[in-house]
Amino acid sequence: MTFCFGLFSQVYPTNFIYNGCDYTYNGLSFNLSDTTNCDDYYQLLFEDNFDGTNLDSNAWQTYFPWGRALNNTASGTGYTREYMADENVTVSDGYLHLTTKIDPGYRDVYNVPTYDPSWMLPHNNIFFKYTSGMIFSKLNFKSGKFEIRAKIPLIDGTWPAFWLYGSCAQEIDAFEFINTSLDSDENIDSKNMIMSYHKNNYCGVESGGQCNNGFTRNVAQNLSDDFHVYSVEWNANKIIWKLDSVTVREVYRIWNISPPLPAGPLYGYAFPIKKCSEINPKETYTIFNTFPTEDIKMNIILSTGVAYDRGVFPKEFTIDYIKMYSNSDTVPITQTILYNYSNLNIYPNPTHGKFSISQSNTEKPITNVNIINILGESVQNYKVSATNLLEIDISNQPKGVYFIKVLCAEKSYIKRIIFN
């Protein structure tokens, strides 16, 4: 069946479950206000170009919150074969390198700084044949556009992935590549781009089942041969997967099912609603109830697993950059405008809540200070009279990364500050 990702009209029933995904006919009760964010609106919110020689520890960690193995039967978490080691994550020459290698040994899955015995299994000593690398964003994001430029390894044992994950087991895979069998052709597997999403049907109810929606596209080129740009765009009504700016998959949440007579209420022609402007209150619609929700923030993950015991190692997943574009009407924040203004000083940084802003150039007096959170939202704003020293208090805000936007002589200067 192709209704989940078809681009054209379909004929299908509007009350059914497929792969755990619940499609529900909602008659004439469609709420137009439910689609206020379904149109495209993107501005750069977060960017890492992996310059320098070290991973930005303010933005990333090199392990999952639940341990250093995605899945391993002995560790209590499943079936993959790799251990995520810090030393397999390196930054050099403007690239992030995630290395997978044969490195047999006994390792503690729960050797993480965030170990919490109240919910994690006890420390253990498990044998792993492979070590690999990953990064997991310390920030979590609402919907938007997520993009990387990267070169995947040859898919010969390895399982590289670029994905988003949050509560309610909500997951969007911008891509995965994996061998289809123990002896499949690695050159073909390196062309098969897997794009999927998953979510529990009922958050907080473990027995409620899960919606799994996956699709594999053979893109007719071995993607391990060179760098490519991969992106996934997600908002309240659609998910769009692109390779080098070309759409390779799209799914929609809202479908027009107004049937031509005499089709009846449960069967009809379905047309995906691609823009809010296409919605007509006189028509009838169906809603894909288990579509990913914007209410759940998700972390960005780049990882390389080992799915099959095959191939030549070491292998490397190389990332040039990663960008996140917000689709909400917020203040744009990008590292490209985080440059130094030598006459402006913010201290202490990191801060425990209170900090000072001073300037030595009185010819460019500060006229405004805006405190912006990592989502690009203005949380505090100050109009400033002539002064060379300002005392700012953000202790009422959640701890995390903030941006200080200072207006001097009609020019804006932005610096980052960490509240911990």
Protein backbone atom coordinates (compact mmCIF):
# COMPACT_ATOMS: atom_id res chain seq x y z
CA MET A 1 0.00 0.00 0.00
CA THR A 2 1.31 3.46 -0.82
CA PHE A 3 -1.09 5.83 0.90
CA CYS A 4 1.47 6.82 3.54
CA PHE A 5 3.87 8.35 1.06
CA GLY A 6 1.99 8.67 -2.22
CA LEU A 7 2.15 12.05 -3.91
CA PHE A 8 -1.09 11.66 -5.86
CA SER A 9 -4.72 11.04 -5.02
CA GLN A 10 -5.58 7.65 -3.56
CA VAL A 11 -8.74 5.66 -3.01
CA TYR A 12 -8.73 4.13 0.45
CA PRO A 13 -10.86 3.63 3.58
CA THR A 14 -10.62 6.41 6.13
CA ASN A 15 -11.04 4.37 9.33
CA PHE A 16 -8.23 1.85 9.61
CA ILE A 17 -4.87 1.00 11.17
CA TYR A 18 -1.82 0.09 9.09
CA ASN A 19 1.58 -0.75 10.67
CA GLY A 20 0.08 0.49 13.92
CA CYS A 21 -0.66 3.90 12.36
CA ASP A 22 -4.16 5.14 13.07
CA TYR A 23 -6.02 6.88 10.21
CA THR A 24 -9.31 8.23 11.51
CA TYR A 25 -12.21 9.68 9.54
CA ASN A 26 -13.31 12.83 11.34
CA GLY A 27 -16.34 13.80 9.28
CA LEU A 28 -17.05 17.52 9.20
CA SER A 29 -15.44 18.31 12.56
CA PHE A 30 -12.14 19.48 11.12
CA ASN A 31 -10.61 22.30 13.16
CA LEU A 32 -9.04 24.89 10.85
CA SER A 33 -6.93 26.35 13.68
CA ASP A 34 -5.18 22.97 13.91
CA THR A 35 -3.11 23.77 10.81
CA THR A 36 -1.72 27.19 11.63
CA ASN A 37 1.87 25.97 11.28
CA CYS A 38 1.52 23.76 8.22
CA ASP A 39 3.12 26.19 5.74
CA ASP A 40 6.86 26.57 5.15
CA TYR A 41 8.68 29.13 7.26
CA TYR A 42 12.33 28.43 8.07
CA GLN A 43 15.15 30.46 9.57
CA LEU A 44 18.52 29.26 10.81
CA LEU A 45 18.43 28.55 14.54
CA PHE A 46 21.42 26.28 15.26
CA GLU A 47 24.60 25.50 13.34
CA ASP A 48 27.80 23.56 13.93
CA ASN A 49 30.51 23.55 11.26
CA PHE A 50 32.88 21.43 13.37
CA ASP A 51 35.73 23.90 13.15
CA GLY A 52 38.67 23.59 15.50
CA THR A 53 39.97 20.39 17.08
CA ASN A 54 37.35 19.54 19.70
CA LEU A 55 33.66 18.73 19.77
CA ASP A 56 31.57 21.51 21.33
CA SER A 57 30.73 19.94 24.70
CA ASN A 58 28.08 22.62 25.31
CA ALA A 59 26.10 21.33 22.35
CA TRP A 60 26.87 17.59 22.19
CA GLN A 61 27.50 14.46 24.21
CA THR A 62 29.01 11.23 22.87
CA TYR A 63 26.61 8.74 24.46
CA PHE A 64 22.92 8.07 24.81
CA PRO A 65 21.23 9.21 28.03
CA TRP A 66 20.55 5.52 28.72
CA GLY A 67 24.09 4.25 28.07
CA ARG A 68 26.79 3.58 25.49
CA ALA A 69 25.03 0.92 23.43
CA LEU A 70 21.95 1.56 21.34
CA ASN A 71 21.01 -2.10 21.49
CA ASN A 72 22.76 -5.11 22.98
CA THR A 73 20.99 -8.16 24.38
CA ALA A 74 23.43 -8.68 27.21
CA SER A 75 23.18 -5.04 28.25
CA GLY A 76 19.42 -5.23 28.39
CA THR A 77 18.77 -2.91 25.47
CA GLY A 78 18.51 -4.97 22.29
CA TYR A 79 20.73 -6.30 19.54
CA THR A 80 23.40 -4.11 17.86
CA ARG A 81 27.07 -4.91 18.28
CA GLU A 82 28.91 -1.66 18.92
CA TYR A 83 29.98 0.24 22.02
CA MET A 84 29.91 4.05 21.71
CA ALA A 85 33.35 5.24 22.80
CA ASP A 86 34.39 8.87 23.33
CA GLU A 87 37.69 8.37 21.50
CA ASN A 88 35.85 7.35 18.31
CA VAL A 89 34.49 10.90 17.98
CA THR A 90 37.04 13.39 16.64
CA VAL A 91 37.01 16.84 15.04
CA SER A 92 39.70 17.87 12.54
CA ASP A 93 40.12 19.76 9.27
CA GLY A 94 36.60 21.17 9.52
CA TYR A 95 34.89 17.77 9.83
CA LEU A 96 33.34 15.59 12.49
CA HIS A 97 34.61 12.00 12.24
CA LEU A 98 32.64 9.07 13.68
CA THR A 99 34.89 6.01 13.42
CA THR A 100 33.79 2.39 13.66
CA LYS A 101 36.47 -0.23 14.23
CA ILE A 102 37.12 -3.77 15.41
CA ASP A 103 38.17 -3.27 19.02
CA PRO A 104 37.17 -6.34 21.07
CA GLY A 105 36.90 -6.04 24.82
CA TYR A 106 34.68 -5.99 27.88
CA ARG A 107 33.03 -2.64 28.53
CA ASP A 108 30.52 -1.06 30.89
CA VAL A 109 27.43 0.05 28.97
CA TYR A 110 26.38 2.35 31.80
CA ASN A 111 29.68 4.20 32.12
CA VAL A 112 28.10 7.60 31.49
CA PRO A 113 28.24 10.82 33.53
CA THR A 114 24.46 10.80 33.79
CA TYR A 115 24.25 7.32 35.38
CA ASP A 116 21.18 7.15 37.60
CA PRO A 117 20.53 3.86 39.45
CA SER A 118 16.90 4.81 39.97
CA TRP A 119 16.07 3.95 36.35
CA MET A 120 19.20 2.54 34.68
CA LEU A 121 20.42 -1.04 34.94
CA PRO A 122 23.39 -1.77 37.23
CA HIS A 123 26.92 -1.29 35.90
CA ASN A 124 28.00 -4.31 33.90
CA ASN A 125 30.94 -5.81 32.02
CA ILE A 126 29.80 -6.81 28.52
CA PHE A 127 31.89 -8.04 25.58
CA PHE A 128 31.76 -5.93 22.41
CA LYS A 129 33.66 -6.76 19.23
CA TYR A 130 33.27 -3.23 17.82
CA THR A 131 33.53 0.33 19.06
CA SER A 132 31.93 3.23 17.25
CA GLY A 133 31.06 6.90 17.63
CA MET A 134 28.00 9.08 17.96
CA ILE A 135 26.86 12.54 19.00
CA PHE A 136 23.61 13.35 20.84
CA SER A 137 22.52 16.98 21.10
CA LYS A 138 22.19 18.41 24.58
CA LEU A 139 19.56 20.74 23.16
CA ASN A 140 16.22 19.46 21.99
CA PHE A 141 14.19 21.04 19.24
CA LYS A 142 10.65 21.47 18.07
CA SER A 143 9.74 21.04 14.42
CA GLY A 144 11.72 22.61 11.60
CA LYS A 145 14.31 21.68 9.01
CA PHE A 146 17.30 19.53 9.97
CA GLU A 147 20.20 19.28 7.54
CA ILE A 148 23.69 17.82 7.31
CA ARG A 149 26.36 17.55 4.67
CA ALA A 150 28.06 14.22 5.11
CA LYS A 151 29.82 11.25 3.56
CA ILE A 152 28.53 7.89 4.75
CA PRO A 153 30.78 4.83 5.00
CA LEU A 154 30.37 1.95 2.57
CA ILE A 155 27.39 -0.02 3.86
CA ASP A 156 29.27 -3.22 4.57
CA GLY A 157 28.41 -4.07 8.16
CA THR A 158 27.92 -0.46 9.26
CA TRP A 159 24.61 1.26 10.00
CA PRO A 160 25.00 5.07 9.77
CA ALA A 161 22.00 7.21 10.71
CA PHE A 162 20.91 10.83 11.09
CA TRP A 163 17.83 10.95 13.30
CA LEU A 164 15.67 12.83 15.78
CA TYR A 165 14.36 11.29 18.99
CA GLY A 166 12.13 12.42 21.84
CA SER A 167 9.62 11.30 24.44
CA CYS A 168 6.71 9.00 23.57
CA ALA A 169 9.29 7.10 21.46
CA GLN A 170 8.80 9.77 18.79
CA GLU A 171 11.50 9.41 16.14
CA ILE A 172 12.13 10.79 12.67
CA ASP A 173 14.94 9.18 10.67
CA ALA A 174 16.37 11.63 8.15
CA PHE A 175 18.22 8.59 6.85
CA GLU A 176 19.47 5.15 7.74
CA PHE A 177 21.58 2.81 5.63
CA ILE A 178 21.87 -0.86 6.52
CA ASN A 179 22.71 -4.15 4.82
CA THR A 180 19.59 -6.01 3.80
CA SER A 181 21.21 -9.35 4.69
CA LEU A 182 24.48 -10.88 5.80
CA ASP A 183 25.63 -11.35 2.20
CA SER A 184 23.82 -8.52 0.36
CA ASP A 185 25.66 -6.33 -2.15
CA GLU A 186 27.24 -3.43 -0.23
CA ASN A 187 27.18 -1.20 -3.31
CA ILE A 188 23.42 -1.64 -3.64
CA ASP A 189 22.88 -1.19 0.10
CA SER A 190 24.80 2.10 -0.12
CA LYS A 191 22.15 3.36 -2.56
CA ASN A 192 19.13 2.40 -0.45
CA MET A 193 18.14 5.41 1.65
CA ILE A 194 15.74 4.46 4.47
CA MET A 195 13.42 7.26 5.69
CA SER A 196 10.98 6.57 8.49
CA TYR A 197 9.26 7.74 11.63
CA HIS A 198 7.92 6.02 14.73
CA LYS A 199 5.77 7.03 17.66
CA ASN A 200 3.77 5.44 20.43
CA ASN A 201 0.08 5.65 19.61
CA TYR A 202 -0.70 6.76 23.15
CA CYS A 203 1.96 8.62 25.12
CA GLY A 204 2.43 7.21 28.62
CA VAL A 205 0.63 3.96 27.77
CA GLU A 206 3.20 1.20 27.14
CA SER A 207 0.60 -1.27 25.87
CA GLY A 208 -0.88 1.15 23.37
CA GLY A 209 1.25 -0.03 20.43
CA GLN A 210 3.46 1.95 18.12
CA CYS A 211 3.00 3.53 14.73
CA ASN A 212 5.86 2.57 12.37
CA ASN A 213 6.06 4.21 8.98
CA GLY A 214 9.11 3.42 6.86
CA PHE A 215 10.09 3.74 3.22
CA THR A 216 13.25 2.82 1.29
CA ARG A 217 14.26 4.68 -1.86
CA ASN A 218 17.00 3.47 -4.19
CA VAL A 219 18.62 6.75 -5.25
CA ALA A 220 20.65 5.19 -8.09
CA GLN A 221 24.03 6.35 -6.80
CA ASN A 222 26.43 4.95 -4.24
CA LEU A 223 26.26 7.63 -1.56
CA SER A 224 29.44 6.44 0.14
CA ASP A 225 31.48 7.74 -2.82
CA ASP A 226 31.16 11.43 -1.93
CA PHE A 227 29.60 14.06 0.32
CA HIS A 228 25.87 14.76 -0.01
CA VAL A 229 23.37 17.08 1.66
CA TYR A 230 20.60 15.29 3.56
CA SER A 231 17.64 17.06 5.11
CA VAL A 232 14.28 16.40 6.70
CA GLU A 233 11.63 19.11 7.03
CA TRP A 234 8.92 18.57 9.60
CA ASN A 235 5.95 20.67 10.62
CA ALA A 236 2.38 20.16 11.84
CA ASN A 237 1.22 18.72 8.53
CA LYS A 238 4.09 17.14 6.65
CA ILE A 239 7.53 15.54 6.63
CA ILE A 240 9.73 16.09 3.57
CA TRP A 241 12.96 14.16 3.03
CA LYS A 242 15.50 15.59 0.56
CA LEU A 243 18.80 14.46 -0.91
CA ASP A 244 20.92 17.24 -2.43
CA SER A 245 17.80 19.47 -2.37
CA VAL A 246 15.73 16.92 -4.34
CA THR A 247 12.63 15.51 -2.61
CA VAL A 248 12.87 11.75 -2.18
CA ARG A 249 9.91 11.22 0.14
CA GLU A 250 6.99 13.20 1.57
CA VAL A 251 4.15 12.32 3.93
CA TYR A 252 1.16 14.36 5.07
CA ARG A 253 -1.10 14.50 8.12
CA ILE A 254 -4.21 16.11 6.60
CA TRP A 255 -6.01 14.59 3.62
CA ASN A 256 -9.05 15.83 1.70
CA ILE A 257 -11.43 12.88 1.41
CA SER A 258 -14.55 14.58 0.05
CA PRO A 259 -15.88 11.68 -2.02
CA PRO A 260 -17.60 11.95 -5.37
CA LEU A 261 -21.02 10.35 -5.15
CA PRO A 262 -21.87 7.58 -4.54
CA ALA A 263 -18.60 6.70 -2.75
CA GLY A 264 -20.02 6.91 0.77
CA PRO A 265 -18.50 8.16 4.02
CA LEU A 266 -15.77 5.54 4.55
CA TYR A 267 -14.26 5.34 1.09
CA GLY A 268 -13.25 8.14 -1.19
CA TYR A 269 -10.60 9.96 -3.14
CA ALA A 270 -7.90 11.29 -0.83
CA PHE A 271 -5.73 14.28 -1.70
CA PRO A 272 -2.90 15.37 0.61
CA ILE A 273 -3.16 18.92 1.87
CA LYS A 274 0.23 20.46 1.15
CA LYS A 275 -0.50 24.06 2.18
CA CYS A 276 -2.87 25.66 4.65
CA SER A 277 -4.34 27.73 1.82
CA GLU A 278 -5.70 24.54 0.25
CA ILE A 279 -8.08 23.90 3.16
CA ASN A 280 -11.73 24.53 2.37
CA PRO A 281 -14.21 24.43 5.30
CA LYS A 282 -16.83 22.97 2.97
CA GLU A 283 -14.73 19.87 2.25
CA THR A 284 -14.25 16.74 4.34
CA TYR A 285 -10.87 15.71 5.75
CA THR A 286 -9.16 12.84 7.51
CA ILE A 287 -6.42 13.27 10.09
CA PHE A 288 -3.45 10.95 10.56
CA ASN A 289 -3.70 10.86 14.36
CA THR A 290 -0.28 9.31 15.04
CA PHE A 291 1.66 11.83 12.98
CA PRO A 292 4.68 13.26 14.87
CA THR A 293 3.60 16.08 17.11
CA GLU A 294 5.28 19.49 17.47
CA ASP A 295 4.55 19.37 21.20
CA ILE A 296 7.35 16.82 21.63
CA LYS A 297 10.87 18.23 21.44
CA MET A 298 13.49 15.92 19.97
CA ASN A 299 17.26 15.59 20.18
CA ILE A 300 19.50 15.38 17.11
CA ILE A 301 21.53 12.17 16.83
CA LEU A 302 24.28 11.13 14.43
CA SER A 303 25.50 7.58 14.92
CA THR A 304 27.06 4.55 13.30
CA GLY A 305 25.95 1.10 14.40
CA VAL A 306 27.13 -2.37 13.39
CA ALA A 307 24.25 -4.46 12.16
CA TYR A 308 26.12 -7.46 10.66
CA ASP A 309 29.48 -9.02 11.41
CA ARG A 310 30.92 -8.33 7.97
CA GLY A 311 33.08 -5.84 6.09
CA VAL A 312 36.52 -4.28 6.34
CA PHE A 313 37.26 -1.89 9.22
CA PRO A 314 37.86 0.82 10.32
CA LYS A 315 35.10 2.79 8.60
CA GLU A 316 34.28 6.46 8.97
CA PHE A 317 31.10 8.54 8.89
CA THR A 318 32.27 12.10 8.08
CA ILE A 319 30.11 15.17 8.68
CA ASP A 320 30.90 18.60 7.27
CA TYR A 321 28.15 20.54 9.06
CA ILE A 322 24.79 20.25 10.74
CA LYS A 323 22.09 22.93 10.70
CA MET A 324 18.67 23.31 12.27
CA TYR A 325 16.14 25.79 10.87
CA SER A 326 13.15 26.78 12.99
CA ASN A 327 9.70 27.03 11.44
CA SER A 328 8.31 29.22 14.21
CA ASP A 329 8.22 33.00 14.22
CA THR A 330 11.23 33.45 16.49
CA VAL A 331 14.40 35.51 16.57
CA PRO A 332 17.01 33.92 14.27
CA ILE A 333 20.14 32.70 16.05
CA THR A 334 23.13 31.37 14.12
CA GLN A 335 26.76 30.82 14.87
CA THR A 336 27.57 32.82 11.75
CA ILE A 337 26.73 36.04 13.60
CA LEU A 338 28.45 35.08 16.85
CA TYR A 339 31.51 37.21 16.25
CA ASN A 340 33.57 39.16 18.79
CA TYR A 341 33.22 42.86 19.40
CA SER A 342 36.49 43.73 21.11
CA ASN A 343 35.00 46.61 23.08
CA LEU A 344 32.22 44.46 24.56
CA ASN A 345 32.79 42.07 27.48
CA ILE A 346 30.35 39.69 29.16
CA TYR A 347 31.44 38.07 32.43
CA PRO A 348 31.41 35.70 34.17
CA ASN A 349 30.74 33.20 31.39
CA PRO A 350 29.61 30.56 32.24
CA THR A 351 27.36 32.21 34.80
CA HIS A 352 25.24 31.01 37.71
CA GLY A 353 22.53 33.47 36.76
CA LYS A 354 23.97 36.96 37.17
CA PHE A 355 26.51 38.54 34.85
CA SER A 356 27.84 41.91 33.76
CA ILE A 357 28.16 43.59 30.37
CA SER A 358 30.81 46.24 30.01
CA GLN A 359 32.06 48.30 27.09
CA SER A 360 35.17 50.42 26.67
CA ASN A 361 34.08 52.33 23.58
CA THR A 362 31.79 55.13 24.78
CA GLU A 363 31.29 56.35 21.21
CA LYS A 364 29.08 53.27 20.67
CA PRO A 365 26.86 53.24 23.76
CA ILE A 366 24.64 50.23 24.40
CA THR A 367 20.99 51.13 23.81
CA ASN A 368 19.31 47.74 24.09
CA VAL A 369 20.06 44.25 25.47
CA ASN A 370 17.94 41.27 24.43
CA ILE A 371 18.26 37.83 26.09
CA ILE A 372 17.39 35.04 23.66
CA ASN A 373 17.04 31.34 24.46
CA ILE A 374 18.29 28.49 22.26
CA LEU A 375 14.93 28.27 20.49
CA GLY A 376 15.35 31.85 19.32
CA GLU A 377 12.71 33.23 21.69
CA SER A 378 13.26 36.58 23.39
CA VAL A 379 12.91 35.94 27.13
CA GLN A 380 14.17 39.24 28.60
CA ASN A 381 14.68 42.68 27.09
CA TYR A 382 16.31 45.82 28.47
CA LYS A 383 16.30 49.39 27.18
CA VAL A 384 19.54 50.98 28.32
CA SER A 385 20.45 54.54 29.21
CA ALA A 386 24.04 55.74 28.87
CA THR A 387 26.26 53.52 31.02
CA ASN A 388 29.46 51.56 30.70
CA LEU A 389 28.43 48.67 32.95
CA LEU A 390 25.20 46.66 33.03
CA GLU A 391 24.18 44.04 35.57
CA ILE A 392 21.92 41.32 34.13
CA ASP A 393 20.06 38.59 36.05
CA ILE A 394 18.67 35.53 34.20
CA SER A 395 18.41 33.28 37.26
CA ASN A 396 14.65 33.05 36.71
CA GLN A 397 15.25 31.28 33.37
CA PRO A 398 15.96 27.55 32.86
CA LYS A 399 19.64 26.64 32.79
CA GLY A 400 21.17 26.28 29.35
CA VAL A 401 22.66 28.25 26.47
CA TYR A 402 21.52 31.82 25.84
CA PHE A 403 22.45 34.54 23.36
CA ILE A 404 23.01 38.14 24.38
CA LYS A 405 22.02 40.50 21.57
CA VAL A 406 23.42 43.96 22.21
CA LEU A 407 22.46 47.00 20.15
CA CYS A 408 25.25 49.58 19.82
CA ALA A 409 25.03 52.55 17.46
CA GLU A 410 22.31 50.82 15.43
CA LYS A 411 24.46 47.70 14.97
CA SER A 412 23.74 44.37 16.63
CA TYR A 413 26.37 42.20 18.29
CA ILE A 414 25.56 38.75 19.56
CA LYS A 415 27.50 36.67 22.06
CA ARG A 416 26.75 33.33 23.62
CA ILE A 417 26.56 32.76 27.37
CA ILE A 418 26.10 29.56 29.35
CA PHE A 419 23.88 29.50 32.43
CA ASN A 420 24.70 26.51 34.65
